[in-house]
């Protein structure tokens, strides 16, 4: 009879462990989803920053070109 009680207790402990494991797995899945969402947001932010940096460089290049043209025109006006 004692062996049966011990076996029942072990089964109850295993059932409890399975419940806790399932709860932990669910919590970890939720955390994983949240982290993946954050990661996607960070990746989108990084992509946007890269795009802005490229646009900034392009604008800087255009402005430098305009400055060179203005300087060239100013010099030609002074020489005239």
C-alpha atoms as a PDB file:
ATOM      1  CA  UNK A   1       0.000   0.000   0.000  1.00  0.00           C
ATOM      2  CA  UNK A   2       2.867   2.344   0.828  1.00  0.00           C
ATOM      3  CA  UNK A   3       4.415   1.665  -2.594  1.00  0.00           C
ATOM      4  CA  UNK A   4       1.158   2.711  -4.249  1.00  0.00           C
ATOM      5  CA  UNK A   5       1.083   5.971  -2.282  1.00  0.00           C
ATOM      6  CA  UNK A   6       4.724   6.689  -3.220  1.00  0.00           C
ATOM      7  CA  UNK A   7       3.939   5.958  -6.873  1.00  0.00           C
ATOM      8  CA  UNK A   8       0.895   8.248  -6.777  1.00  0.00           C
ATOM      9  CA  UNK A   9       3.031  11.006  -5.259  1.00  0.00           C
ATOM     10  CA  UNK A  10       5.674  10.581  -7.951  1.00  0.00           C
ATOM     11  CA  UNK A  11       2.988  10.752 -10.637  1.00  0.00           C
ATOM     12  CA  UNK A  12       1.529  13.874  -9.027  1.00  0.00           C
ATOM     13  CA  UNK A  13       5.006  15.419  -8.914  1.00  0.00           C
ATOM     14  CA  UNK A  14       5.541  14.606 -12.592  1.00  0.00           C
ATOM     15  CA  UNK A  15       2.174  16.104 -13.518  1.00  0.00           C
ATOM     16  CA  UNK A  16       3.076  19.237 -11.570  1.00  0.00           C
ATOM     17  CA  UNK A  17       6.457  19.394 -13.294  1.00  0.00           C
ATOM     18  CA  UNK A  18       4.775  19.077 -16.708  1.00  0.00           C
ATOM     19  CA  UNK A  19       2.366  21.913 -15.843  1.00  0.00           C
ATOM     20  CA  UNK A  20       5.231  24.129 -14.711  1.00  0.00           C
ATOM     21  CA  UNK A  21       7.233  23.278 -17.819  1.00  0.00           C
ATOM     22  CA  UNK A  22       4.280  24.139 -20.052  1.00  0.00           C
ATOM     23  CA  UNK A  23       3.803  27.425 -18.213  1.00  0.00           C
ATOM     24  CA  UNK A  24       7.521  28.188 -18.576  1.00  0.00           C
ATOM     25  CA  UNK A  25       7.407  27.315 -22.272  1.00  0.00           C
ATOM     26  CA  UNK A  26       4.415  29.589 -22.799  1.00  0.00           C
ATOM     27  CA  UNK A  27       6.162  32.418 -20.970  1.00  0.00           C
ATOM     28  CA  UNK A  28       9.312  31.881 -23.024  1.00  0.00           C
ATOM     29  CA  UNK A  29       7.309  31.866 -26.257  1.00  0.00           C
ATOM     30  CA  UNK A  30       5.713  35.165 -25.278  1.00  0.00           C
ATOM     31  CA  UNK A  31       9.100  36.656 -24.392  1.00  0.00           C
ATOM     32  CA  UNK A  32      10.494  35.380 -27.675  1.00  0.00           C
ATOM     33  CA  UNK A  33       7.641  37.010 -29.584  1.00  0.00           C
ATOM     34  CA  UNK A  34       8.238  40.306 -27.790  1.00  0.00           C
ATOM     35  CA  UNK A  35      11.973  40.143 -28.447  1.00  0.00           C
ATOM     36  CA  UNK A  36      11.447  39.295 -32.110  1.00  0.00           C
ATOM     37  CA  UNK A  37       9.094  42.267 -32.400  1.00  0.00           C
ATOM     38  CA  UNK A  38      11.708  44.528 -30.823  1.00  0.00           C
ATOM     39  CA  UNK A  39      14.392  43.086 -33.080  1.00  0.00           C
ATOM     40  CA  UNK A  40      12.269  43.762 -36.155  1.00  0.00           C
ATOM     41  CA  UNK A  41      11.701  47.330 -34.966  1.00  0.00           C
ATOM     42  CA  UNK A  42      15.443  47.796 -34.388  1.00  0.00           C
ATOM     43  CA  UNK A  43      16.198  46.406 -37.842  1.00  0.00           C
ATOM     44  CA  UNK A  44      13.659  48.764 -39.417  1.00  0.00           C
ATOM     45  CA  UNK A  45      15.153  51.661 -37.461  1.00  0.00           C
ATOM     46  CA  UNK A  46      18.662  50.720 -38.581  1.00  0.00           C
ATOM     47  CA  UNK A  47      17.468  50.504 -42.178  1.00  0.00           C
ATOM     48  CA  UNK A  48      15.880  53.939 -41.905  1.00  0.00           C
ATOM     49  CA  UNK A  49      19.066  55.385 -40.384  1.00  0.00           C
ATOM     50  CA  UNK A  50      21.107  53.902 -43.217  1.00  0.00           C
ATOM     51  CA  UNK A  51      18.706  55.380 -45.755  1.00  0.00           C
ATOM     52  CA  UNK A  52      18.904  58.792 -44.075  1.00  0.00           C
ATOM     53  CA  UNK A  53      22.706  58.621 -44.031  1.00  0.00           C
ATOM     54  CA  UNK A  54      22.719  57.836 -47.749  1.00  0.00           C
ATOM     55  CA  UNK A  55      20.315  60.698 -48.440  1.00  0.00           C
ATOM     56  CA  UNK A  56      22.475  63.022 -46.341  1.00  0.00           C
ATOM     57  CA  UNK A  57      25.589  62.030 -48.279  1.00  0.00           C
ATOM     58  CA  UNK A  58      23.789  62.516 -51.584  1.00  0.00           C
ATOM     59  CA  UNK A  59      22.534  65.941 -50.505  1.00  0.00           C
ATOM     60  CA  UNK A  60      26.003  66.897 -49.294  1.00  0.00           C
ATOM     61  CA  UNK A  61      27.451  65.899 -52.650  1.00  0.00           C
ATOM     62  CA  UNK A  62      24.853  67.987 -54.504  1.00  0.00           C
ATOM     63  CA  UNK A  63      25.505  70.991 -52.269  1.00  0.00           C
ATOM     64  CA  UNK A  64      29.259  70.648 -52.781  1.00  0.00           C
ATOM     65  CA  UNK A  65      28.673  70.586 -56.535  1.00  0.00           C
ATOM     66  CA  UNK A  66      26.543  73.711 -56.357  1.00  0.00           C
ATOM     67  CA  UNK A  67      29.169  75.497 -54.267  1.00  0.00           C
ATOM     68  CA  UNK A  68      31.824  74.618 -56.828  1.00  0.00           C
ATOM     69  CA  UNK A  69      29.650  75.981 -59.651  1.00  0.00           C
ATOM     70  CA  UNK A  70      28.905  79.177 -57.727  1.00  0.00           C
ATOM     71  CA  UNK A  71      32.612  79.637 -57.021  1.00  0.00           C
ATOM     72  CA  UNK A  72      33.452  79.038 -60.672  1.00  0.00           C
ATOM     73  CA  UNK A  73      30.813  81.545 -61.785  1.00  0.00           C
ATOM     74  CA  UNK A  74      32.051  84.073 -59.231  1.00  0.00           C
ATOM     75  CA  UNK A  75      35.616  83.697 -60.477  1.00  0.00           C
ATOM     76  CA  UNK A  76      34.562  84.075 -64.097  1.00  0.00           C
ATOM     77  CA  UNK A  77      32.541  87.184 -63.201  1.00  0.00           C
ATOM     78  CA  UNK A  78      35.543  88.652 -61.391  1.00  0.00           C
ATOM     79  CA  UNK A  79      37.791  87.959 -64.368  1.00  0.00           C
ATOM     80  CA  UNK A  80      35.372  89.621 -66.762  1.00  0.00           C
END
